[in-house]
Amino acid sequence: MTGLRLISVAAAIAVGLAVPAFATELPNVKLGLWEMTVSMQVKGMPSVDLSKVPADKQAMAQSMMKNAMAQMGKPHTFKTCIGQDQLKKGVSFDDSKDPSCTTTVLKSSATELQVKQVCTGKRPRTVSFDYTATTPESVSGTGHADMNGGMAADSKVSGKWLGADCGSLKPGQATKE
């Protein structure tokens, strides 16, 4: 075998072996409208400078922040439209469409999707989620977020498929909670 032919065969074998490593299996879930329920436990408080707030209003402001944090701990349900792109690129956790956010799919299989998102802009944060497709019509998962100012959040997610028609929602959109 000539040197050039040997290199060609070796290159073909290398490419053939490498393709499975690049091929990403998508989670086995139905596309369309999903109802998601999220429960979140938040640790830490946002760093807010209350020094310029009058003393009599500081207690009220702190109480309002604590109440808002307690509300975050209650389950929230919303609907979202899942399309092929959301499975390929990873579900985004960036409602504000911050251009500083980068989403990376860490693992994708028929039953699991692990996603990490890092945002470096005005609201720096790192968010990770691990979804499990228990059936094509049911998902569950856990998440963790580290936010600027010493706040962190752990969440549990469950979802059920409602149908193929997303109505007025486009893939990637969600209803307001």
N, C-alpha and C. Protein backbone atom coordinates (compact mmCIF):
# COMPACT_ATOMS: atom_id res chain seq x y z
N MET A 1 0.85 -1.17 0.00
CA MET A 1 0.00 0.00 0.00
C MET A 1 0.90 1.23 0.00
N THR A 2 0.60 2.19 -0.86
CA THR A 2 1.42 3.39 -0.95
C THR A 2 1.17 4.27 0.28
N GLY A 3 2.09 5.16 0.56
CA GLY A 3 1.96 6.05 1.71
C GLY A 3 0.71 6.91 1.64
N LEU A 4 0.39 7.44 0.44
CA LEU A 4 -0.78 8.30 0.29
C LEU A 4 -2.06 7.51 0.53
N ARG A 5 -2.12 6.29 0.00
CA ARG A 5 -3.31 5.45 0.18
C ARG A 5 -3.46 5.06 1.65
N LEU A 6 -2.35 4.77 2.34
CA LEU A 6 -2.39 4.41 3.75
C LEU A 6 -2.91 5.58 4.57
N ILE A 7 -2.48 6.80 4.24
CA ILE A 7 -2.96 7.99 4.94
C ILE A 7 -4.45 8.18 4.70
N SER A 8 -4.91 7.94 3.47
CA SER A 8 -6.33 8.08 3.15
C SER A 8 -7.17 7.08 3.93
N VAL A 9 -6.72 5.84 4.00
CA VAL A 9 -7.46 4.80 4.75
C VAL A 9 -7.47 5.15 6.23
N ALA A 10 -6.32 5.56 6.76
CA ALA A 10 -6.24 5.92 8.17
C ALA A 10 -7.15 7.10 8.48
N ALA A 11 -7.20 8.08 7.58
CA ALA A 11 -8.06 9.24 7.78
C ALA A 11 -9.53 8.83 7.75
N ALA A 12 -9.90 7.94 6.83
CA ALA A 12 -11.29 7.47 6.75
C ALA A 12 -11.69 6.72 8.02
N ILE A 13 -10.78 5.90 8.54
CA ILE A 13 -11.08 5.16 9.78
C ILE A 13 -11.22 6.15 10.93
N ALA A 14 -10.31 7.11 11.01
CA ALA A 14 -10.37 8.10 12.10
C ALA A 14 -11.67 8.89 12.06
N VAL A 15 -12.08 9.31 10.86
CA VAL A 15 -13.33 10.06 10.73
C VAL A 15 -14.50 9.16 11.10
N GLY A 16 -14.49 7.91 10.65
CA GLY A 16 -15.56 6.97 10.97
C GLY A 16 -15.69 6.74 12.46
N LEU A 17 -14.58 6.68 13.17
CA LEU A 17 -14.62 6.49 14.61
C LEU A 17 -15.01 7.77 15.34
N ALA A 18 -14.68 8.90 14.77
CA ALA A 18 -14.97 10.18 15.43
C ALA A 18 -16.42 10.59 15.26
N VAL A 19 -17.08 10.20 14.21
CA VAL A 19 -18.46 10.63 13.96
C VAL A 19 -19.38 10.30 15.13
N PRO A 20 -19.35 9.07 15.69
CA PRO A 20 -20.23 8.82 16.82
C PRO A 20 -19.98 9.76 18.00
N ALA A 21 -18.77 10.20 18.19
CA ALA A 21 -18.48 11.12 19.29
C ALA A 21 -19.14 12.48 19.06
N PHE A 22 -19.29 12.89 17.80
CA PHE A 22 -19.91 14.17 17.51
C PHE A 22 -21.42 14.06 17.36
N ALA A 23 -21.91 12.87 17.05
CA ALA A 23 -23.35 12.68 16.88
C ALA A 23 -24.02 12.83 18.24
N THR A 24 -25.00 13.70 18.34
CA THR A 24 -25.70 13.92 19.58
C THR A 24 -27.09 13.33 19.47
N GLU A 25 -27.40 12.45 20.40
CA GLU A 25 -28.73 11.86 20.45
C GLU A 25 -29.63 12.84 21.19
N LEU A 26 -30.77 13.13 20.63
CA LEU A 26 -31.70 14.06 21.26
C LEU A 26 -32.60 13.31 22.24
N PRO A 27 -33.04 13.99 23.29
CA PRO A 27 -33.97 13.36 24.23
C PRO A 27 -35.23 12.89 23.51
N ASN A 28 -35.74 11.76 23.92
CA ASN A 28 -36.93 11.17 23.32
C ASN A 28 -38.18 11.78 23.97
N VAL A 29 -38.46 13.03 23.59
CA VAL A 29 -39.65 13.71 24.08
C VAL A 29 -40.42 14.26 22.90
N LYS A 30 -41.72 14.39 23.10
CA LYS A 30 -42.56 14.93 22.04
C LYS A 30 -42.38 16.44 21.94
N LEU A 31 -42.42 16.95 20.72
CA LEU A 31 -42.33 18.38 20.49
C LEU A 31 -43.71 18.99 20.61
N GLY A 32 -43.76 20.26 21.01
CA GLY A 32 -45.04 20.94 21.12
C GLY A 32 -45.20 21.64 22.45
N LEU A 33 -46.43 21.73 22.92
CA LEU A 33 -46.77 22.48 24.12
C LEU A 33 -46.58 21.62 25.37
N TRP A 34 -45.83 22.16 26.31
CA TRP A 34 -45.55 21.49 27.58
C TRP A 34 -45.99 22.37 28.73
N GLU A 35 -46.48 21.74 29.80
CA GLU A 35 -46.75 22.44 31.05
C GLU A 35 -45.64 22.08 32.02
N MET A 36 -44.95 23.08 32.52
CA MET A 36 -43.81 22.88 33.40
C MET A 36 -44.13 23.46 34.78
N THR A 37 -43.70 22.75 35.82
CA THR A 37 -43.84 23.23 37.18
C THR A 37 -42.46 23.28 37.81
N VAL A 38 -42.11 24.43 38.37
CA VAL A 38 -40.79 24.64 38.95
C VAL A 38 -40.94 25.03 40.41
N SER A 39 -40.20 24.34 41.28
CA SER A 39 -40.10 24.71 42.70
C SER A 39 -38.66 25.11 42.95
N MET A 40 -38.45 26.24 43.63
CA MET A 40 -37.10 26.76 43.80
C MET A 40 -36.84 27.10 45.26
N GLN A 41 -35.67 26.75 45.72
CA GLN A 41 -35.21 27.14 47.06
C GLN A 41 -34.04 28.10 46.87
N VAL A 42 -34.20 29.31 47.36
CA VAL A 42 -33.18 30.34 47.18
C VAL A 42 -32.40 30.51 48.48
N LYS A 43 -31.09 30.61 48.34
CA LYS A 43 -30.21 30.84 49.49
C LYS A 43 -29.53 32.18 49.30
N GLY A 44 -29.45 32.94 50.38
CA GLY A 44 -28.82 34.25 50.29
C GLY A 44 -29.83 35.30 49.88
N MET A 45 -29.47 36.52 50.05
CA MET A 45 -30.33 37.64 49.68
C MET A 45 -29.59 38.49 48.65
N PRO A 46 -30.32 39.12 47.76
CA PRO A 46 -29.65 39.99 46.81
C PRO A 46 -28.98 41.14 47.55
N SER A 47 -27.83 41.53 47.06
CA SER A 47 -27.13 42.65 47.70
C SER A 47 -27.74 43.94 47.18
N VAL A 48 -28.54 44.56 48.03
CA VAL A 48 -29.22 45.81 47.68
C VAL A 48 -28.80 46.86 48.70
N ASP A 49 -28.33 47.99 48.22
CA ASP A 49 -27.91 49.08 49.10
C ASP A 49 -29.14 49.86 49.54
N LEU A 50 -29.49 49.72 50.82
CA LEU A 50 -30.64 50.43 51.37
C LEU A 50 -30.23 51.66 52.17
N SER A 51 -28.95 52.03 52.10
CA SER A 51 -28.46 53.14 52.92
C SER A 51 -29.11 54.47 52.56
N LYS A 52 -29.60 54.61 51.35
CA LYS A 52 -30.22 55.87 50.94
C LYS A 52 -31.73 55.87 51.17
N VAL A 53 -32.23 54.72 51.64
CA VAL A 53 -33.66 54.62 51.93
C VAL A 53 -33.87 55.10 53.37
N PRO A 54 -34.87 55.95 53.61
CA PRO A 54 -35.12 56.42 54.98
C PRO A 54 -35.28 55.23 55.94
N ALA A 55 -34.81 55.40 57.18
CA ALA A 55 -34.79 54.33 58.18
C ALA A 55 -36.16 53.68 58.35
N ASP A 56 -37.21 54.49 58.36
CA ASP A 56 -38.55 53.91 58.57
C ASP A 56 -39.00 53.06 57.38
N LYS A 57 -38.42 53.27 56.22
CA LYS A 57 -38.78 52.51 55.02
C LYS A 57 -37.86 51.29 54.81
N GLN A 58 -36.70 51.27 55.47
CA GLN A 58 -35.76 50.15 55.30
C GLN A 58 -36.38 48.83 55.75
N ALA A 59 -37.05 48.84 56.89
CA ALA A 59 -37.67 47.60 57.40
C ALA A 59 -38.73 47.11 56.42
N MET A 60 -39.49 48.03 55.86
CA MET A 60 -40.52 47.64 54.90
C MET A 60 -39.88 47.06 53.64
N ALA A 61 -38.79 47.68 53.17
CA ALA A 61 -38.10 47.17 51.98
C ALA A 61 -37.52 45.78 52.23
N GLN A 62 -36.92 45.57 53.41
CA GLN A 62 -36.38 44.26 53.74
C GLN A 62 -37.49 43.22 53.84
N SER A 63 -38.61 43.60 54.40
CA SER A 63 -39.76 42.69 54.51
C SER A 63 -40.28 42.31 53.12
N MET A 64 -40.34 43.28 52.23
CA MET A 64 -40.80 43.01 50.87
C MET A 64 -39.84 42.05 50.15
N MET A 65 -38.53 42.23 50.36
CA MET A 65 -37.56 41.33 49.73
C MET A 65 -37.70 39.91 50.28
N LYS A 66 -37.88 39.79 51.60
CA LYS A 66 -38.06 38.45 52.20
C LYS A 66 -39.32 37.79 51.67
N ASN A 67 -40.39 38.58 51.53
CA ASN A 67 -41.64 38.05 51.00
C ASN A 67 -41.47 37.58 49.55
N ALA A 68 -40.76 38.35 48.76
CA ALA A 68 -40.51 37.96 47.37
C ALA A 68 -39.70 36.67 47.31
N MET A 69 -38.72 36.53 48.20
CA MET A 69 -37.91 35.31 48.24
C MET A 69 -38.79 34.11 48.64
N ALA A 70 -39.70 34.32 49.58
CA ALA A 70 -40.60 33.23 50.00
C ALA A 70 -41.52 32.82 48.86
N GLN A 71 -41.97 33.79 48.07
CA GLN A 71 -42.83 33.48 46.92
C GLN A 71 -42.09 32.63 45.89
N MET A 72 -40.79 32.86 45.77
CA MET A 72 -40.00 32.07 44.82
C MET A 72 -39.97 30.60 45.22
N GLY A 73 -40.13 30.31 46.51
CA GLY A 73 -40.10 28.94 47.00
C GLY A 73 -41.36 28.15 46.67
N LYS A 74 -42.42 28.83 46.29
CA LYS A 74 -43.67 28.15 45.95
C LYS A 74 -43.60 27.63 44.51
N PRO A 75 -44.27 26.51 44.23
CA PRO A 75 -44.27 26.00 42.85
C PRO A 75 -44.91 27.00 41.88
N HIS A 76 -44.28 27.14 40.71
CA HIS A 76 -44.78 28.01 39.65
C HIS A 76 -45.00 27.14 38.42
N THR A 77 -46.16 27.29 37.80
CA THR A 77 -46.49 26.51 36.60
C THR A 77 -46.63 27.45 35.41
N PHE A 78 -46.08 27.02 34.29
CA PHE A 78 -46.18 27.80 33.06
C PHE A 78 -46.19 26.84 31.88
N LYS A 79 -46.55 27.36 30.73
CA LYS A 79 -46.55 26.56 29.50
C LYS A 79 -45.42 27.06 28.61
N THR A 80 -44.82 26.13 27.89
CA THR A 80 -43.74 26.48 26.99
C THR A 80 -43.84 25.63 25.73
N CYS A 81 -43.34 26.17 24.64
CA CYS A 81 -43.34 25.46 23.37
C CYS A 81 -41.93 24.91 23.12
N ILE A 82 -41.81 23.62 23.04
CA ILE A 82 -40.52 22.98 22.81
C ILE A 82 -40.44 22.55 21.35
N GLY A 83 -39.43 23.06 20.67
CA GLY A 83 -39.17 22.70 19.27
C GLY A 83 -37.86 21.94 19.15
N GLN A 84 -37.55 21.51 17.97
CA GLN A 84 -36.33 20.75 17.70
C GLN A 84 -35.07 21.52 18.13
N ASP A 85 -35.04 22.85 17.88
CA ASP A 85 -33.87 23.65 18.23
C ASP A 85 -33.61 23.67 19.73
N GLN A 86 -34.67 23.69 20.57
CA GLN A 86 -34.47 23.71 22.01
C GLN A 86 -33.81 22.41 22.47
N LEU A 87 -34.13 21.31 21.83
CA LEU A 87 -33.49 20.05 22.19
C LEU A 87 -32.05 19.99 21.70
N LYS A 88 -31.79 20.54 20.53
CA LYS A 88 -30.43 20.51 19.97
C LYS A 88 -29.49 21.46 20.70
N LYS A 89 -29.96 22.69 20.95
CA LYS A 89 -29.09 23.72 21.50
C LYS A 89 -29.16 23.82 23.02
N GLY A 90 -30.12 23.15 23.63
CA GLY A 90 -30.28 23.25 25.07
C GLY A 90 -31.30 24.32 25.41
N VAL A 91 -32.10 24.03 26.39
CA VAL A 91 -33.13 24.96 26.81
C VAL A 91 -32.46 26.18 27.43
N SER A 92 -32.89 27.35 27.03
CA SER A 92 -32.32 28.59 27.56
C SER A 92 -33.05 29.00 28.82
N PHE A 93 -32.30 29.55 29.78
CA PHE A 93 -32.89 30.04 31.01
C PHE A 93 -32.85 31.55 31.03
N ASP A 94 -32.64 32.15 29.89
CA ASP A 94 -32.41 33.59 29.79
C ASP A 94 -33.63 34.26 29.19
N ASP A 95 -34.58 34.65 30.07
CA ASP A 95 -35.80 35.28 29.60
C ASP A 95 -35.54 36.64 28.96
N SER A 96 -34.48 37.31 29.38
CA SER A 96 -34.21 38.65 28.87
C SER A 96 -33.38 38.63 27.58
N LYS A 97 -33.01 37.46 27.12
CA LYS A 97 -32.20 37.29 25.89
C LYS A 97 -30.89 38.06 25.98
N ASP A 98 -30.24 37.95 27.13
CA ASP A 98 -28.96 38.62 27.39
C ASP A 98 -27.91 38.08 26.42
N PRO A 99 -27.31 38.95 25.58
CA PRO A 99 -26.32 38.48 24.60
C PRO A 99 -25.03 37.96 25.25
N SER A 100 -24.85 38.21 26.55
CA SER A 100 -23.64 37.73 27.22
C SER A 100 -23.78 36.27 27.67
N CYS A 101 -24.95 35.68 27.48
CA CYS A 101 -25.19 34.31 27.93
C CYS A 101 -24.78 33.30 26.86
N THR A 102 -24.09 32.26 27.29
CA THR A 102 -23.70 31.16 26.42
C THR A 102 -24.26 29.86 26.99
N THR A 103 -25.01 29.14 26.18
CA THR A 103 -25.60 27.87 26.61
C THR A 103 -24.84 26.73 25.98
N THR A 104 -24.49 25.72 26.79
CA THR A 104 -23.74 24.57 26.33
C THR A 104 -24.47 23.30 26.73
N VAL A 105 -24.67 22.40 25.77
CA VAL A 105 -25.23 21.08 26.08
C VAL A 105 -24.06 20.21 26.52
N LEU A 106 -24.11 19.76 27.78
CA LEU A 106 -23.04 18.93 28.32
C LEU A 106 -23.25 17.45 28.01
N LYS A 107 -24.52 17.04 27.99
CA LYS A 107 -24.85 15.64 27.70
C LYS A 107 -26.24 15.59 27.11
N SER A 108 -26.39 14.77 26.08
CA SER A 108 -27.69 14.59 25.46
C SER A 108 -27.83 13.14 25.05
N SER A 109 -28.89 12.51 25.57
CA SER A 109 -29.17 11.12 25.22
C SER A 109 -30.69 10.98 25.10
N ALA A 110 -31.16 9.79 24.82
CA ALA A 110 -32.60 9.57 24.68
C ALA A 110 -33.35 9.87 25.97
N THR A 111 -32.67 9.75 27.11
CA THR A 111 -33.35 9.94 28.39
C THR A 111 -32.83 11.10 29.22
N GLU A 112 -31.77 11.78 28.76
CA GLU A 112 -31.19 12.82 29.61
C GLU A 112 -30.68 14.00 28.78
N LEU A 113 -30.81 15.20 29.37
CA LEU A 113 -30.28 16.41 28.78
C LEU A 113 -29.66 17.23 29.90
N GLN A 114 -28.35 17.47 29.82
CA GLN A 114 -27.65 18.31 30.79
C GLN A 114 -27.20 19.57 30.07
N VAL A 115 -27.56 20.71 30.64
CA VAL A 115 -27.29 22.00 30.02
C VAL A 115 -26.66 22.95 31.05
N LYS A 116 -25.71 23.76 30.58
CA LYS A 116 -25.10 24.78 31.44
C LYS A 116 -25.15 26.10 30.69
N GLN A 117 -25.49 27.15 31.41
CA GLN A 117 -25.52 28.48 30.82
C GLN A 117 -24.71 29.43 31.70
N VAL A 118 -23.81 30.18 31.06
CA VAL A 118 -22.98 31.15 31.76
C VAL A 118 -23.28 32.52 31.17
N CYS A 119 -23.61 33.47 32.06
CA CYS A 119 -23.89 34.85 31.64
C CYS A 119 -22.89 35.76 32.32
N THR A 120 -22.28 36.66 31.54
CA THR A 120 -21.22 37.53 32.07
C THR A 120 -21.59 39.00 32.04
N GLY A 121 -22.82 39.31 31.68
CA GLY A 121 -23.24 40.72 31.52
C GLY A 121 -23.57 41.40 32.83
N LYS A 122 -24.59 42.25 32.82
CA LYS A 122 -24.98 43.04 33.99
C LYS A 122 -25.44 42.16 35.15
N ARG A 123 -26.04 41.02 34.84
CA ARG A 123 -26.48 40.08 35.88
C ARG A 123 -25.72 38.77 35.72
N PRO A 124 -24.44 38.73 36.13
CA PRO A 124 -23.65 37.51 35.95
C PRO A 124 -24.26 36.34 36.73
N ARG A 125 -24.26 35.17 36.09
CA ARG A 125 -24.81 33.98 36.72
C ARG A 125 -24.37 32.75 35.95
N THR A 126 -24.41 31.63 36.65
CA THR A 126 -24.16 30.33 36.03
C THR A 126 -25.34 29.45 36.42
N VAL A 127 -25.98 28.85 35.43
CA VAL A 127 -27.16 28.02 35.65
C VAL A 127 -26.91 26.67 35.01
N SER A 128 -27.25 25.61 35.73
CA SER A 128 -27.15 24.27 35.15
C SER A 128 -28.43 23.51 35.42
N PHE A 129 -28.82 22.67 34.46
CA PHE A 129 -30.01 21.84 34.59
C PHE A 129 -29.70 20.44 34.11
N ASP A 130 -30.33 19.48 34.75
CA ASP A 130 -30.24 18.08 34.36
C ASP A 130 -31.67 17.57 34.24
N TYR A 131 -32.12 17.37 33.00
CA TYR A 131 -33.48 16.89 32.72
C TYR A 131 -33.44 15.40 32.44
N THR A 132 -34.47 14.69 32.90
CA THR A 132 -34.64 13.28 32.59
C THR A 132 -35.99 13.10 31.90
N ALA A 133 -35.97 12.44 30.75
CA ALA A 133 -37.21 12.13 30.04
C ALA A 133 -37.68 10.77 30.55
N THR A 134 -38.63 10.78 31.50
CA THR A 134 -39.12 9.53 32.05
C THR A 134 -39.99 8.79 31.03
N THR A 135 -40.69 9.54 30.19
CA THR A 135 -41.43 9.01 29.04
C THR A 135 -41.38 10.10 27.98
N PRO A 136 -41.82 9.84 26.75
CA PRO A 136 -41.85 10.91 25.74
C PRO A 136 -42.79 12.06 26.10
N GLU A 137 -43.68 11.84 27.08
CA GLU A 137 -44.65 12.86 27.47
C GLU A 137 -44.44 13.38 28.89
N SER A 138 -43.32 13.01 29.52
CA SER A 138 -43.09 13.40 30.89
C SER A 138 -41.59 13.63 31.15
N VAL A 139 -41.26 14.77 31.77
CA VAL A 139 -39.87 15.05 32.11
C VAL A 139 -39.79 15.50 33.57
N SER A 140 -38.63 15.32 34.14
CA SER A 140 -38.35 15.84 35.48
C SER A 140 -36.91 16.31 35.48
N GLY A 141 -36.56 17.09 36.47
CA GLY A 141 -35.18 17.56 36.49
C GLY A 141 -34.86 18.36 37.72
N THR A 142 -33.58 18.66 37.82
CA THR A 142 -33.08 19.50 38.90
C THR A 142 -32.20 20.59 38.28
N GLY A 143 -32.07 21.67 39.00
CA GLY A 143 -31.24 22.76 38.51
C GLY A 143 -30.52 23.45 39.65
N HIS A 144 -29.50 24.18 39.30
CA HIS A 144 -28.75 24.97 40.27
C HIS A 144 -28.29 26.26 39.59
N ALA A 145 -28.40 27.36 40.32
CA ALA A 145 -27.96 28.65 39.80
C ALA A 145 -27.12 29.36 40.85
N ASP A 146 -26.00 29.91 40.42
CA ASP A 146 -25.18 30.79 41.25
C ASP A 146 -25.27 32.16 40.63
N MET A 147 -25.69 33.14 41.45
CA MET A 147 -25.89 34.49 40.94
C MET A 147 -24.96 35.46 41.63
N ASN A 148 -24.76 36.58 40.98
CA ASN A 148 -23.92 37.64 41.54
C ASN A 148 -24.51 38.09 42.88
N GLY A 149 -23.68 38.41 43.82
CA GLY A 149 -24.15 38.90 45.10
C GLY A 149 -24.32 37.81 46.14
N GLY A 150 -23.84 36.61 45.86
CA GLY A 150 -23.89 35.54 46.84
C GLY A 150 -25.19 34.76 46.89
N MET A 151 -26.08 34.99 45.97
CA MET A 151 -27.32 34.22 45.93
C MET A 151 -27.12 32.93 45.17
N ALA A 152 -27.85 31.90 45.59
CA ALA A 152 -27.85 30.63 44.88
C ALA A 152 -29.27 30.08 44.93
N ALA A 153 -29.61 29.25 43.97
CA ALA A 153 -30.94 28.65 43.93
C ALA A 153 -30.83 27.22 43.45
N ASP A 154 -31.59 26.35 44.10
CA ASP A 154 -31.74 24.96 43.67
C ASP A 154 -33.19 24.78 43.29
N SER A 155 -33.43 24.06 42.20
CA SER A 155 -34.80 23.91 41.74
C SER A 155 -35.09 22.48 41.33
N LYS A 156 -36.39 22.17 41.37
CA LYS A 156 -36.91 20.90 40.87
C LYS A 156 -37.94 21.24 39.81
N VAL A 157 -37.91 20.49 38.72
CA VAL A 157 -38.79 20.75 37.59
C VAL A 157 -39.52 19.46 37.22
N SER A 158 -40.79 19.61 36.89
CA SER A 158 -41.52 18.48 36.30
C SER A 158 -42.33 19.05 35.14
N GLY A 159 -42.51 18.22 34.13
CA GLY A 159 -43.24 18.69 32.96
C GLY A 159 -44.04 17.60 32.32
N LYS A 160 -45.16 18.01 31.72
CA LYS A 160 -45.98 17.05 30.98
C LYS A 160 -46.36 17.66 29.64
N TRP A 161 -46.36 16.80 28.64
CA TRP A 161 -46.69 17.21 27.28
C TRP A 161 -48.19 17.41 27.18
N LEU A 162 -48.61 18.54 26.59
CA LEU A 162 -50.03 18.83 26.44
C LEU A 162 -50.54 18.57 25.03
N GLY A 163 -49.68 18.68 24.04
CA GLY A 163 -50.11 18.46 22.66
C GLY A 163 -49.11 19.03 21.68
N ALA A 164 -49.28 18.65 20.43
CA ALA A 164 -48.35 19.09 19.39
C ALA A 164 -48.54 20.56 19.01
N ASP A 165 -49.75 21.09 19.19
CA ASP A 165 -50.07 22.47 18.82
C ASP A 165 -49.70 23.42 19.96
N CYS A 166 -48.81 24.35 19.69
CA CYS A 166 -48.37 25.32 20.70
C CYS A 166 -49.26 26.55 20.75
N GLY A 167 -50.29 26.60 19.93
CA GLY A 167 -51.17 27.77 19.92
C GLY A 167 -50.41 29.00 19.48
N SER A 168 -50.48 30.07 20.27
CA SER A 168 -49.82 31.32 19.90
C SER A 168 -48.35 31.35 20.30
N LEU A 169 -47.87 30.37 21.06
CA LEU A 169 -46.47 30.34 21.46
C LEU A 169 -45.60 29.79 20.33
N LYS A 170 -44.47 30.43 20.14
CA LYS A 170 -43.49 29.95 19.17
C LYS A 170 -42.48 29.08 19.92
N PRO A 171 -41.79 28.17 19.21
CA PRO A 171 -40.78 27.36 19.90
C PRO A 171 -39.79 28.23 20.67
N GLY A 172 -39.57 27.86 21.93
CA GLY A 172 -38.68 28.61 22.80
C GLY A 172 -39.38 29.63 23.66
N GLN A 173 -40.65 29.95 23.37
CA GLN A 173 -41.39 30.92 24.17
C GLN A 173 -42.12 30.21 25.31
N ALA A 174 -42.41 30.98 26.35
CA ALA A 174 -43.16 30.47 27.49
C ALA A 174 -44.18 31.51 27.92
N THR A 175 -45.25 31.05 28.57
CA THR A 175 -46.23 31.97 29.13
C THR A 175 -45.64 32.59 30.38
N LYS A 176 -46.16 33.73 30.76
CA LYS A 176 -45.72 34.38 32.00
C LYS A 176 -46.26 33.57 33.17
N GLU A 177 -45.43 33.49 34.21
CA GLU A 177 -45.87 32.76 35.41
C GLU A 177 -46.86 33.58 36.18
